[in-house]
Amino acid sequence: MNRIVVGAHYGLKDWLAQRITAIIMAVFTVIVAAAVLSGAAASHEGWRAFVGNGLIRFLAFLFVVSLCYHAWIGVRDIWMDYVKPTAVRVTLHVLTLLVLVGYAGWATQVLWRL
């Protein structure tokens, strides 16, 4: 029997990436919620000032990248688990990747336009 042994840590990297990206997204969400609840982003000018801060822009960019990577891992695993024909699965992988890269680029463009 030709069985491929992948080791005890198979999937650990993806599991860890999911947790780290989730923490990054949660922290940024709390920061934005605190700004909104404190009134710092109550007006359009206040929001622009908040988002115009270099640190907030960097954190927002980190949020977008984390969101896209988090989504990639989750959707990729769905395709791997439930789509059996290889050609269809690879096509879905490529389309998902292209959409997520497009979303990340679009979000970055929006962030740096403010």
PDB file of N, CA and C in Angstrom:
ATOM      1  N   MET A   1       0.848  -1.167   0.000  1.00  0.00           N
ATOM      2  CA  MET A   1       0.000   0.000   0.000  1.00  0.00           C
ATOM      3  C   MET A   1       0.899   1.236   0.000  1.00  0.00           C
ATOM      4  N   ASN A   2       0.683   2.152  -0.938  1.00  0.00           N
ATOM      5  CA  ASN A   2       1.456   3.391  -1.047  1.00  0.00           C
ATOM      6  C   ASN A   2       0.699   4.522  -0.371  1.00  0.00           C
ATOM      7  N   ARG A   3       0.941   4.673   0.875  1.00  0.00           N
ATOM      8  CA  ARG A   3       0.260   5.710   1.648  1.00  0.00           C
ATOM      9  C   ARG A   3       1.234   6.856   1.894  1.00  0.00           C
ATOM     10  N   ILE A   4       0.780   8.074   1.624  1.00  0.00           N
ATOM     11  CA  ILE A   4       1.624   9.243   1.828  1.00  0.00           C
ATOM     12  C   ILE A   4       1.413   9.742   3.258  1.00  0.00           C
ATOM     13  N   VAL A   5       2.486   9.825   3.980  1.00  0.00           N
ATOM     14  CA  VAL A   5       2.421  10.315   5.350  1.00  0.00           C
ATOM     15  C   VAL A   5       2.768  11.796   5.324  1.00  0.00           C
ATOM     16  N   VAL A   6       1.867  12.619   5.845  1.00  0.00           N
ATOM     17  CA  VAL A   6       2.090  14.059   5.776  1.00  0.00           C
ATOM     18  C   VAL A   6       2.580  14.645   7.095  1.00  0.00           C
ATOM     19  N   GLY A   7       2.589  13.887   8.137  1.00  0.00           N
ATOM     20  CA  GLY A   7       3.108  14.380   9.410  1.00  0.00           C
ATOM     21  C   GLY A   7       2.009  14.865  10.332  1.00  0.00           C
ATOM     22  N   ALA A   8       2.376  15.055  11.565  1.00  0.00           N
ATOM     23  CA  ALA A   8       1.406  15.431  12.585  1.00  0.00           C
ATOM     24  C   ALA A   8       0.991  16.893  12.496  1.00  0.00           C
ATOM     25  N   HIS A   9       1.768  17.719  11.811  1.00  0.00           N
ATOM     26  CA  HIS A   9       1.473  19.154  11.785  1.00  0.00           C
ATOM     27  C   HIS A   9       0.796  19.586  10.496  1.00  0.00           C
ATOM     28  N   TYR A  10       0.219  18.659   9.765  1.00  0.00           N
ATOM     29  CA  TYR A  10      -0.479  19.001   8.548  1.00  0.00           C
ATOM     30  C   TYR A  10      -1.666  19.909   8.886  1.00  0.00           C
ATOM     31  N   GLY A  11      -1.712  21.051   8.240  1.00  0.00           N
ATOM     32  CA  GLY A  11      -2.807  21.977   8.476  1.00  0.00           C
ATOM     33  C   GLY A  11      -2.569  22.959   9.600  1.00  0.00           C
ATOM     34  N   LEU A  12      -1.491  22.796  10.347  1.00  0.00           N
ATOM     35  CA  LEU A  12      -1.220  23.678  11.483  1.00  0.00           C
ATOM     36  C   LEU A  12      -1.010  25.116  11.021  1.00  0.00           C
ATOM     37  N   LYS A  13      -0.302  25.295   9.918  1.00  0.00           N
ATOM     38  CA  LYS A  13      -0.039  26.645   9.404  1.00  0.00           C
ATOM     39  C   LYS A  13      -1.341  27.366   9.067  1.00  0.00           C
ATOM     40  N   ASP A  14      -2.255  26.676   8.400  1.00  0.00           N
ATOM     41  CA  ASP A  14      -3.532  27.291   8.045  1.00  0.00           C
ATOM     42  C   ASP A  14      -4.387  27.560   9.276  1.00  0.00           C
ATOM     43  N   TRP A  15      -4.384  26.631  10.216  1.00  0.00           N
ATOM     44  CA  TRP A  15      -5.129  26.811  11.457  1.00  0.00           C
ATOM     45  C   TRP A  15      -4.619  28.047  12.201  1.00  0.00           C
ATOM     46  N   LEU A  16      -3.306  28.165  12.290  1.00  0.00           N
ATOM     47  CA  LEU A  16      -2.699  29.299  12.979  1.00  0.00           C
ATOM     48  C   LEU A  16      -2.971  30.610  12.236  1.00  0.00           C
ATOM     49  N   ALA A  17      -2.888  30.575  10.904  1.00  0.00           N
ATOM     50  CA  ALA A  17      -3.169  31.771  10.100  1.00  0.00           C
ATOM     51  C   ALA A  17      -4.613  32.220  10.302  1.00  0.00           C
ATOM     52  N   GLN A  18      -5.551  31.284  10.371  1.00  0.00           N
ATOM     53  CA  GLN A  18      -6.949  31.636  10.620  1.00  0.00           C
ATOM     54  C   GLN A  18      -7.097  32.344  11.963  1.00  0.00           C
ATOM     55  N   ARG A  19      -6.423  31.857  12.981  1.00  0.00           N
ATOM     56  CA  ARG A  19      -6.532  32.454  14.318  1.00  0.00           C
ATOM     57  C   ARG A  19      -5.883  33.836  14.353  1.00  0.00           C
ATOM     58  N   ILE A  20      -4.716  33.976  13.744  1.00  0.00           N
ATOM     59  CA  ILE A  20      -4.012  35.266  13.763  1.00  0.00           C
ATOM     60  C   ILE A  20      -4.789  36.312  12.979  1.00  0.00           C
ATOM     61  N   THR A  21      -5.277  35.948  11.798  1.00  0.00           N
ATOM     62  CA  THR A  21      -6.047  36.917  11.021  1.00  0.00           C
ATOM     63  C   THR A  21      -7.344  37.285  11.721  1.00  0.00           C
ATOM     64  N   ALA A  22      -7.964  36.332  12.401  1.00  0.00           N
ATOM     65  CA  ALA A  22      -9.191  36.632  13.150  1.00  0.00           C
ATOM     66  C   ALA A  22      -8.906  37.615  14.289  1.00  0.00           C
ATOM     67  N   ILE A  23      -7.784  37.460  14.959  1.00  0.00           N
ATOM     68  CA  ILE A  23      -7.421  38.381  16.044  1.00  0.00           C
ATOM     69  C   ILE A  23      -7.169  39.776  15.489  1.00  0.00           C
ATOM     70  N   ILE A  24      -6.452  39.868  14.373  1.00  0.00           N
ATOM     71  CA  ILE A  24      -6.189  41.171  13.753  1.00  0.00           C
ATOM     72  C   ILE A  24      -7.502  41.854  13.390  1.00  0.00           C
ATOM     73  N   MET A  25      -8.423  41.114  12.788  1.00  0.00           N
ATOM     74  CA  MET A  25      -9.704  41.693  12.390  1.00  0.00           C
ATOM     75  C   MET A  25     -10.524  42.110  13.610  1.00  0.00           C
ATOM     76  N   ALA A  26     -10.495  41.310  14.665  1.00  0.00           N
ATOM     77  CA  ALA A  26     -11.250  41.643  15.875  1.00  0.00           C
ATOM     78  C   ALA A  26     -10.696  42.901  16.538  1.00  0.00           C
ATOM     79  N   VAL A  27      -9.386  43.013  16.626  1.00  0.00           N
ATOM     80  CA  VAL A  27      -8.767  44.186  17.246  1.00  0.00           C
ATOM     81  C   VAL A  27      -9.114  45.448  16.458  1.00  0.00           C
ATOM     82  N   PHE A  28      -9.019  45.387  15.132  1.00  0.00           N
ATOM     83  CA  PHE A  28      -9.343  46.558  14.321  1.00  0.00           C
ATOM     84  C   PHE A  28     -10.817  46.914  14.456  1.00  0.00           C
ATOM     85  N   THR A  29     -11.679  45.917  14.509  1.00  0.00           N
ATOM     86  CA  THR A  29     -13.109  46.165  14.682  1.00  0.00           C
ATOM     87  C   THR A  29     -13.382  46.868  16.007  1.00  0.00           C
ATOM     88  N   VAL A  30     -12.701  46.470  17.056  1.00  0.00           N
ATOM     89  CA  VAL A  30     -12.865  47.124  18.359  1.00  0.00           C
ATOM     90  C   VAL A  30     -12.384  48.574  18.291  1.00  0.00           C
ATOM     91  N   ILE A  31     -11.279  48.816  17.604  1.00  0.00           N
ATOM     92  CA  ILE A  31     -10.757  50.184  17.461  1.00  0.00           C
ATOM     93  C   ILE A  31     -11.752  51.064  16.723  1.00  0.00           C
ATOM     94  N   VAL A  32     -12.294  50.568  15.627  1.00  0.00           N
ATOM     95  CA  VAL A  32     -13.274  51.350  14.859  1.00  0.00           C
ATOM     96  C   VAL A  32     -14.550  51.551  15.675  1.00  0.00           C
ATOM     97  N   ALA A  33     -15.010  50.523  16.360  1.00  0.00           N
ATOM     98  CA  ALA A  33     -16.207  50.650  17.194  1.00  0.00           C
ATOM     99  C   ALA A  33     -15.987  51.680  18.295  1.00  0.00           C
ATOM    100  N   ALA A  34     -14.819  51.671  18.903  1.00  0.00           N
ATOM    101  CA  ALA A  34     -14.513  52.651  19.956  1.00  0.00           C
ATOM    102  C   ALA A  34     -14.514  54.066  19.391  1.00  0.00           C
ATOM    103  N   ALA A  35     -13.983  54.245  18.203  1.00  0.00           N
ATOM    104  CA  ALA A  35     -13.969  55.572  17.571  1.00  0.00           C
ATOM    105  C   ALA A  35     -15.380  56.040  17.260  1.00  0.00           C
ATOM    106  N   VAL A  36     -16.201  55.131  16.781  1.00  0.00           N
ATOM    107  CA  VAL A  36     -17.584  55.492  16.459  1.00  0.00           C
ATOM    108  C   VAL A  36     -18.372  55.792  17.734  1.00  0.00           C
ATOM    109  N   LEU A  37     -18.235  54.953  18.738  1.00  0.00           N
ATOM    110  CA  LEU A  37     -18.981  55.140  19.981  1.00  0.00           C
ATOM    111  C   LEU A  37     -18.520  56.361  20.777  1.00  0.00           C
ATOM    112  N   SER A  38     -17.252  56.721  20.643  1.00  0.00           N
ATOM    113  CA  SER A  38     -16.743  57.887  21.374  1.00  0.00           C
ATOM    114  C   SER A  38     -17.087  59.197  20.670  1.00  0.00           C
ATOM    115  N   GLY A  39     -17.584  59.095  19.456  1.00  0.00           N
ATOM    116  CA  GLY A  39     -17.940  60.294  18.709  1.00  0.00           C
ATOM    117  C   GLY A  39     -16.809  60.851  17.867  1.00  0.00           C
ATOM    118  N   ALA A  40     -15.646  60.222  17.902  1.00  0.00           N
ATOM    119  CA  ALA A  40     -14.501  60.709  17.129  1.00  0.00           C
ATOM    120  C   ALA A  40     -14.765  60.621  15.634  1.00  0.00           C
ATOM    121  N   ALA A  41     -15.643  59.733  15.237  1.00  0.00           N
ATOM    122  CA  ALA A  41     -15.961  59.555  13.820  1.00  0.00           C
ATOM    123  C   ALA A  41     -17.440  59.841  13.571  1.00  0.00           C
ATOM    124  N   ALA A  42     -18.000  60.780  14.343  1.00  0.00           N
ATOM    125  CA  ALA A  42     -19.439  61.057  14.259  1.00  0.00           C
ATOM    126  C   ALA A  42     -19.803  61.845  13.004  1.00  0.00           C
ATOM    127  N   SER A  43     -18.929  62.687  12.540  1.00  0.00           N
ATOM    128  CA  SER A  43     -19.203  63.479  11.345  1.00  0.00           C
ATOM    129  C   SER A  43     -18.317  62.997  10.199  1.00  0.00           C
ATOM    130  N   HIS A  44     -18.616  63.484   9.022  1.00  0.00           N
ATOM    131  CA  HIS A  44     -17.805  63.119   7.861  1.00  0.00           C
ATOM    132  C   HIS A  44     -16.369  63.605   8.043  1.00  0.00           C
ATOM    133  N   GLU A  45     -16.219  64.811   8.544  1.00  0.00           N
ATOM    134  CA  GLU A  45     -14.873  65.359   8.770  1.00  0.00           C
ATOM    135  C   GLU A  45     -14.133  64.551   9.842  1.00  0.00           C
ATOM    136  N   GLY A  46     -14.859  64.187  10.898  1.00  0.00           N
ATOM    137  CA  GLY A  46     -14.255  63.376  11.956  1.00  0.00           C
ATOM    138  C   GLY A  46     -13.811  62.014  11.446  1.00  0.00           C
ATOM    139  N   TRP A  47     -14.669  61.416  10.607  1.00  0.00           N
ATOM    140  CA  TRP A  47     -14.329  60.109  10.039  1.00  0.00           C
ATOM    141  C   TRP A  47     -13.102  60.219   9.141  1.00  0.00           C
ATOM    142  N   ARG A  48     -13.062  61.254   8.300  1.00  0.00           N
ATOM    143  CA  ARG A  48     -11.910  61.439   7.410  1.00  0.00           C
ATOM    144  C   ARG A  48     -10.628  61.662   8.219  1.00  0.00           C
ATOM    145  N   ALA A  49     -10.738  62.412   9.312  1.00  0.00           N
ATOM    146  CA  ALA A  49      -9.565  62.644  10.165  1.00  0.00           C
ATOM    147  C   ALA A  49      -9.114  61.331  10.814  1.00  0.00           C
ATOM    148  N   PHE A  50     -10.090  60.544  11.259  1.00  0.00           N
ATOM    149  CA  PHE A  50      -9.780  59.260  11.895  1.00  0.00           C
ATOM    150  C   PHE A  50      -9.084  58.335  10.904  1.00  0.00           C
ATOM    151  N   VAL A  51      -9.670  58.188   9.722  1.00  0.00           N
ATOM    152  CA  VAL A  51      -9.124  57.282   8.718  1.00  0.00           C
ATOM    153  C   VAL A  51      -7.851  57.857   8.087  1.00  0.00           C
ATOM    154  N   GLY A  52      -7.687  59.174   8.138  1.00  0.00           N
ATOM    155  CA  GLY A  52      -6.502  59.806   7.576  1.00  0.00           C
ATOM    156  C   GLY A  52      -5.251  59.609   8.414  1.00  0.00           C
ATOM    157  N   ASN A  53      -5.421  59.184   9.650  1.00  0.00           N
ATOM    158  CA  ASN A  53      -4.284  58.910  10.527  1.00  0.00           C
ATOM    159  C   ASN A  53      -3.461  57.760   9.933  1.00  0.00           C
ATOM    160  N   GLY A  54      -2.150  57.933   9.866  1.00  0.00           N
ATOM    161  CA  GLY A  54      -1.275  56.922   9.271  1.00  0.00           C
ATOM    162  C   GLY A  54      -1.378  55.560   9.923  1.00  0.00           C
ATOM    163  N   LEU A  55      -1.469  55.536  11.243  1.00  0.00           N
ATOM    164  CA  LEU A  55      -1.570  54.256  11.951  1.00  0.00           C
ATOM    165  C   LEU A  55      -2.883  53.562  11.619  1.00  0.00           C
ATOM    166  N   ILE A  56      -3.968  54.313  11.578  1.00  0.00           N
ATOM    167  CA  ILE A  56      -5.270  53.721  11.263  1.00  0.00           C
ATOM    168  C   ILE A  56      -5.284  53.211   9.828  1.00  0.00           C
ATOM    169  N   ARG A  57      -4.673  53.949   8.918  1.00  0.00           N
ATOM    170  CA  ARG A  57      -4.589  53.469   7.530  1.00  0.00           C
ATOM    171  C   ARG A  57      -3.817  52.165   7.443  1.00  0.00           C
ATOM    172  N   PHE A  58      -2.714  52.096   8.164  1.00  0.00           N
ATOM    173  CA  PHE A  58      -1.931  50.862   8.171  1.00  0.00           C
ATOM    174  C   PHE A  58      -2.743  49.718   8.764  1.00  0.00           C
ATOM    175  N   LEU A  59      -3.431  49.978   9.876  1.00  0.00           N
ATOM    176  CA  LEU A  59      -4.247  48.931  10.505  1.00  0.00           C
ATOM    177  C   LEU A  59      -5.406  48.516   9.598  1.00  0.00           C
ATOM    178  N   ALA A  60      -5.975  49.482   8.878  1.00  0.00           N
ATOM    179  CA  ALA A  60      -7.055  49.163   7.945  1.00  0.00           C
ATOM    180  C   ALA A  60      -6.525  48.292   6.803  1.00  0.00           C
ATOM    181  N   PHE A  61      -5.346  48.627   6.309  1.00  0.00           N
ATOM    182  CA  PHE A  61      -4.720  47.817   5.267  1.00  0.00           C
ATOM    183  C   PHE A  61      -4.452  46.406   5.785  1.00  0.00           C
ATOM    184  N   LEU A  62      -3.942  46.311   7.008  1.00  0.00           N
ATOM    185  CA  LEU A  62      -3.692  45.014   7.629  1.00  0.00           C
ATOM    186  C   LEU A  62      -4.999  44.235   7.784  1.00  0.00           C
ATOM    187  N   PHE A  63      -6.072  44.936   8.126  1.00  0.00           N
ATOM    188  CA  PHE A  63      -7.385  44.315   8.240  1.00  0.00           C
ATOM    189  C   PHE A  63      -7.814  43.724   6.901  1.00  0.00           C
ATOM    190  N   VAL A  64      -7.676  44.503   5.831  1.00  0.00           N
ATOM    191  CA  VAL A  64      -8.097  44.047   4.501  1.00  0.00           C
ATOM    192  C   VAL A  64      -7.285  42.826   4.075  1.00  0.00           C
ATOM    193  N   VAL A  65      -5.982  42.889   4.250  1.00  0.00           N
ATOM    194  CA  VAL A  65      -5.135  41.749   3.880  1.00  0.00           C
ATOM    195  C   VAL A  65      -5.500  40.525   4.729  1.00  0.00           C
ATOM    196  N   SER A  66      -5.721  40.727   6.015  1.00  0.00           N
ATOM    197  CA  SER A  66      -6.100  39.620   6.900  1.00  0.00           C
ATOM    198  C   SER A  66      -7.441  39.034   6.495  1.00  0.00           C
ATOM    199  N   LEU A  67      -8.386  39.899   6.167  1.00  0.00           N
ATOM    200  CA  LEU A  67      -9.711  39.437   5.747  1.00  0.00           C
ATOM    201  C   LEU A  67      -9.619  38.587   4.482  1.00  0.00           C
ATOM    202  N   CYS A  68      -8.855  39.064   3.518  1.00  0.00           N
ATOM    203  CA  CYS A  68      -8.720  38.316   2.258  1.00  0.00           C
ATOM    204  C   CYS A  68      -7.998  36.986   2.469  1.00  0.00           C
ATOM    205  N   TYR A  69      -6.951  36.984   3.285  1.00  0.00           N
ATOM    206  CA  TYR A  69      -6.233  35.733   3.537  1.00  0.00           C
ATOM    207  C   TYR A  69      -7.106  34.755   4.322  1.00  0.00           C
ATOM    208  N   HIS A  70      -7.838  35.273   5.304  1.00  0.00           N
ATOM    209  CA  HIS A  70      -8.755  34.470   6.107  1.00  0.00           C
ATOM    210  C   HIS A  70      -9.816  33.837   5.196  1.00  0.00           C
ATOM    211  N   ALA A  71     -10.370  34.661   4.310  1.00  0.00           N
ATOM    212  CA  ALA A  71     -11.381  34.164   3.371  1.00  0.00           C
ATOM    213  C   ALA A  71     -10.785  33.133   2.419  1.00  0.00           C
ATOM    214  N   TRP A  72      -9.567  33.376   1.948  1.00  0.00           N
ATOM    215  CA  TRP A  72      -8.915  32.439   1.040  1.00  0.00           C
ATOM    216  C   TRP A  72      -8.797  31.057   1.671  1.00  0.00           C
ATOM    217  N   ILE A  73      -8.332  31.011   2.899  1.00  0.00           N
ATOM    218  CA  ILE A  73      -8.154  29.713   3.563  1.00  0.00           C
ATOM    219  C   ILE A  73      -9.500  29.005   3.708  1.00  0.00           C
ATOM    220  N   GLY A  74     -10.504  29.733   4.154  1.00  0.00           N
ATOM    221  CA  GLY A  74     -11.817  29.128   4.359  1.00  0.00           C
ATOM    222  C   GLY A  74     -12.456  28.644   3.074  1.00  0.00           C
ATOM    223  N   VAL A  75     -12.470  29.489   2.048  1.00  0.00           N
ATOM    224  CA  VAL A  75     -13.113  29.114   0.790  1.00  0.00           C
ATOM    225  C   VAL A  75     -12.318  28.019   0.092  1.00  0.00           C
ATOM    226  N   ARG A  76     -10.989  28.111   0.141  1.00  0.00           N
ATOM    227  CA  ARG A  76     -10.155  27.064  -0.455  1.00  0.00           C
ATOM    228  C   ARG A  76     -10.453  25.702   0.173  1.00  0.00           C
ATOM    229  N   ASP A  77     -10.611  25.683   1.487  1.00  0.00           N
ATOM    230  CA  ASP A  77     -10.908  24.420   2.158  1.00  0.00           C
ATOM    231  C   ASP A  77     -12.285  23.889   1.766  1.00  0.00           C
ATOM    232  N   ILE A  78     -13.246  24.793   1.559  1.00  0.00           N
ATOM    233  CA  ILE A  78     -14.567  24.357   1.098  1.00  0.00           C
ATOM    234  C   ILE A  78     -14.448  23.715  -0.280  1.00  0.00           C
ATOM    235  N   TRP A  79     -13.729  24.379  -1.199  1.00  0.00           N
ATOM    236  CA  TRP A  79     -13.544  23.803  -2.541  1.00  0.00           C
ATOM    237  C   TRP A  79     -12.841  22.450  -2.446  1.00  0.00           C
ATOM    238  N   MET A  80     -11.810  22.352  -1.596  1.00  0.00           N
ATOM    239  CA  MET A  80     -11.056  21.095  -1.487  1.00  0.00           C
ATOM    240  C   MET A  80     -11.912  19.971  -0.908  1.00  0.00           C
ATOM    241  N   ASP A  81     -12.797  20.317   0.027  1.00  0.00           N
ATOM    242  CA  ASP A  81     -13.606  19.291   0.683  1.00  0.00           C
ATOM    243  C   ASP A  81     -14.802  18.829  -0.161  1.00  0.00           C
ATOM    244  N   TYR A  82     -15.416  19.736  -0.901  1.00  0.00           N
ATOM    245  CA  TYR A  82     -16.697  19.418  -1.519  1.00  0.00           C
ATOM    246  C   TYR A  82     -16.697  19.369  -3.042  1.00  0.00           C
ATOM    247  N   VAL A  83     -15.672  19.853  -3.713  1.00  0.00           N
ATOM    248  CA  VAL A  83     -15.630  19.810  -5.172  1.00  0.00           C
ATOM    249  C   VAL A  83     -14.591  18.763  -5.574  1.00  0.00           C
ATOM    250  N   LYS A  84     -15.071  17.656  -6.088  1.00  0.00           N
ATOM    251  CA  LYS A  84     -14.173  16.536  -6.379  1.00  0.00           C
ATOM    252  C   LYS A  84     -13.495  16.594  -7.748  1.00  0.00           C
ATOM    253  N   PRO A  85     -14.174  17.032  -8.810  1.00  0.00           N
ATOM    254  CA  PRO A  85     -13.467  17.085 -10.107  1.00  0.00           C
ATOM    255  C   PRO A  85     -12.321  18.101 -10.055  1.00  0.00           C
ATOM    256  N   THR A  86     -11.130  17.653 -10.356  1.00  0.00           N
ATOM    257  CA  THR A  86      -9.935  18.487 -10.212  1.00  0.00           C
ATOM    258  C   THR A  86     -10.006  19.756 -11.048  1.00  0.00           C
ATOM    259  N   ALA A  87     -10.445  19.655 -12.278  1.00  0.00           N
ATOM    260  CA  ALA A  87     -10.485  20.834 -13.158  1.00  0.00           C
ATOM    261  C   ALA A  87     -11.429  21.898 -12.613  1.00  0.00           C
ATOM    262  N   VAL A  88     -12.572  21.470 -12.108  1.00  0.00           N
ATOM    263  CA  VAL A  88     -13.545  22.422 -11.539  1.00  0.00           C
ATOM    264  C   VAL A  88     -12.969  23.045 -10.277  1.00  0.00           C
ATOM    265  N   ARG A  89     -12.358  22.221  -9.443  1.00  0.00           N
ATOM    266  CA  ARG A  89     -11.788  22.716  -8.183  1.00  0.00           C
ATOM    267  C   ARG A  89     -10.671  23.730  -8.449  1.00  0.00           C
ATOM    268  N   VAL A  90      -9.785  23.438  -9.382  1.00  0.00           N
ATOM    269  CA  VAL A  90      -8.690  24.356  -9.702  1.00  0.00           C
ATOM    270  C   VAL A  90      -9.250  25.660 -10.286  1.00  0.00           C
ATOM    271  N   THR A  91     -10.243  25.553 -11.130  1.00  0.00           N
ATOM    272  CA  THR A  91     -10.879  26.749 -11.693  1.00  0.00           C
ATOM    273  C   THR A  91     -11.481  27.608 -10.588  1.00  0.00           C
ATOM    274  N   LEU A  92     -12.165  26.981  -9.647  1.00  0.00           N
ATOM    275  CA  LEU A  92     -12.750  27.721  -8.524  1.00  0.00           C
ATOM    276  C   LEU A  92     -11.668  28.349  -7.641  1.00  0.00           C
ATOM    277  N   HIS A  93     -10.565  27.650  -7.457  1.00  0.00           N
ATOM    278  CA  HIS A  93      -9.438  28.198  -6.691  1.00  0.00           C
ATOM    279  C   HIS A  93      -8.913  29.463  -7.359  1.00  0.00           C
ATOM    280  N   VAL A  94      -8.679  29.379  -8.659  1.00  0.00           N
ATOM    281  CA  VAL A  94      -8.140  30.524  -9.396  1.00  0.00           C
ATOM    282  C   VAL A  94      -9.118  31.689  -9.363  1.00  0.00           C
ATOM    283  N   LEU A  95     -10.397  31.433  -9.610  1.00  0.00           N
ATOM    284  CA  LEU A  95     -11.396  32.506  -9.587  1.00  0.00           C
ATOM    285  C   LEU A  95     -11.497  33.144  -8.205  1.00  0.00           C
ATOM    286  N   THR A  96     -11.476  32.329  -7.166  1.00  0.00           N
ATOM    287  CA  THR A  96     -11.526  32.850  -5.807  1.00  0.00           C
ATOM    288  C   THR A  96     -10.316  33.724  -5.519  1.00  0.00           C
ATOM    289  N   LEU A  97      -9.152  33.256  -5.908  1.00  0.00           N
ATOM    290  CA  LEU A  97      -7.923  34.014  -5.691  1.00  0.00           C
ATOM    291  C   LEU A  97      -7.958  35.347  -6.438  1.00  0.00           C
ATOM    292  N   LEU A  98      -8.402  35.327  -7.688  1.00  0.00           N
ATOM    293  CA  LEU A  98      -8.484  36.560  -8.474  1.00  0.00           C
ATOM    294  C   LEU A  98      -9.468  37.552  -7.856  1.00  0.00           C
ATOM    295  N   VAL A  99     -10.605  37.071  -7.409  1.00  0.00           N
ATOM    296  CA  VAL A  99     -11.600  37.944  -6.781  1.00  0.00           C
ATOM    297  C   VAL A  99     -11.038  38.554  -5.502  1.00  0.00           C
ATOM    298  N   LEU A 100     -10.397  37.756  -4.670  1.00  0.00           N
ATOM    299  CA  LEU A 100      -9.865  38.264  -3.403  1.00  0.00           C
ATOM    300  C   LEU A 100      -8.731  39.262  -3.624  1.00  0.00           C
ATOM    301  N   VAL A 101      -7.867  39.007  -4.593  1.00  0.00           N
ATOM    302  CA  VAL A 101      -6.797  39.969  -4.914  1.00  0.00           C
ATOM    303  C   VAL A 101      -7.420  41.261  -5.438  1.00  0.00           C
ATOM    304  N   GLY A 102      -8.448  41.136  -6.263  1.00  0.00           N
ATOM    305  CA  GLY A 102      -9.147  42.312  -6.758  1.00  0.00           C
ATOM    306  C   GLY A 102      -9.781  43.114  -5.634  1.00  0.00           C
ATOM    307  N   TYR A 103     -10.427  42.421  -4.695  1.00  0.00           N
ATOM    308  CA  TYR A 103     -11.023  43.104  -3.541  1.00  0.00           C
ATOM    309  C   TYR A 103      -9.960  43.816  -2.709  1.00  0.00           C
ATOM    310  N   ALA A 104      -8.833  43.159  -2.483  1.00  0.00           N
ATOM    311  CA  ALA A 104      -7.757  43.762  -1.694  1.00  0.00           C
ATOM    312  C   ALA A 104      -7.223  45.016  -2.387  1.00  0.00           C
ATOM    313  N   GLY A 105      -7.039  44.942  -3.695  1.00  0.00           N
ATOM    314  CA  GLY A 105      -6.565  46.102  -4.442  1.00  0.00           C
ATOM    315  C   GLY A 105      -7.565  47.242  -4.412  1.00  0.00           C
ATOM    316  N   TRP A 106      -8.825  46.912  -4.567  1.00  0.00           N
ATOM    317  CA  TRP A 106      -9.881  47.924  -4.554  1.00  0.00           C
ATOM    318  C   TRP A 106      -9.959  48.589  -3.183  1.00  0.00           C
ATOM    319  N   ALA A 107      -9.945  47.789  -2.131  1.00  0.00           N
ATOM    320  CA  ALA A 107     -10.014  48.330  -0.773  1.00  0.00           C
ATOM    321  C   ALA A 107      -8.813  49.218  -0.476  1.00  0.00           C
ATOM    322  N   THR A 108      -7.642  48.823  -0.917  1.00  0.00           N
ATOM    323  CA  THR A 108      -6.439  49.623  -0.704  1.00  0.00           C
ATOM    324  C   THR A 108      -6.561  50.953  -1.450  1.00  0.00           C
ATOM    325  N   GLN A 109      -7.075  50.901  -2.649  1.00  0.00           N
ATOM    326  CA  GLN A 109      -7.278  52.120  -3.439  1.00  0.00           C
ATOM    327  C   GLN A 109      -8.251  53.057  -2.722  1.00  0.00           C
ATOM    328  N   VAL A 110      -9.311  52.530  -2.175  1.00  0.00           N
ATOM    329  CA  VAL A 110     -10.295  53.337  -1.434  1.00  0.00           C
ATOM    330  C   VAL A 110      -9.643  53.937  -0.190  1.00  0.00           C
ATOM    331  N   LEU A 111      -8.890  53.114   0.536  1.00  0.00           N
ATOM    332  CA  LEU A 111      -8.249  53.591   1.769  1.00  0.00           C
ATOM    333  C   LEU A 111      -7.285  54.738   1.505  1.00  0.00           C
ATOM    334  N   TRP A 112      -6.497  54.636   0.456  1.00  0.00           N
ATOM    335  CA  TRP A 112      -5.460  55.638   0.214  1.00  0.00           C
ATOM    336  C   TRP A 112      -5.970  56.811  -0.607  1.00  0.00           C
ATOM    337  N   ARG A 113      -7.221  56.742  -1.006  1.00  0.00           N
ATOM    338  CA  ARG A 113      -7.825  57.877  -1.687  1.00  0.00           C
ATOM    339  C   ARG A 113      -8.376  58.877  -0.675  1.00  0.00           C
ATOM    340  N   LEU A 114      -8.652  58.426   0.518  1.00  0.00           N
ATOM    341  CA  LEU A 114      -9.260  59.301   1.536  1.00  0.00           C
ATOM    342  C   LEU A 114      -8.332  60.414   1.963  1.00  0.00           C
TER     343      LEU A 114
END
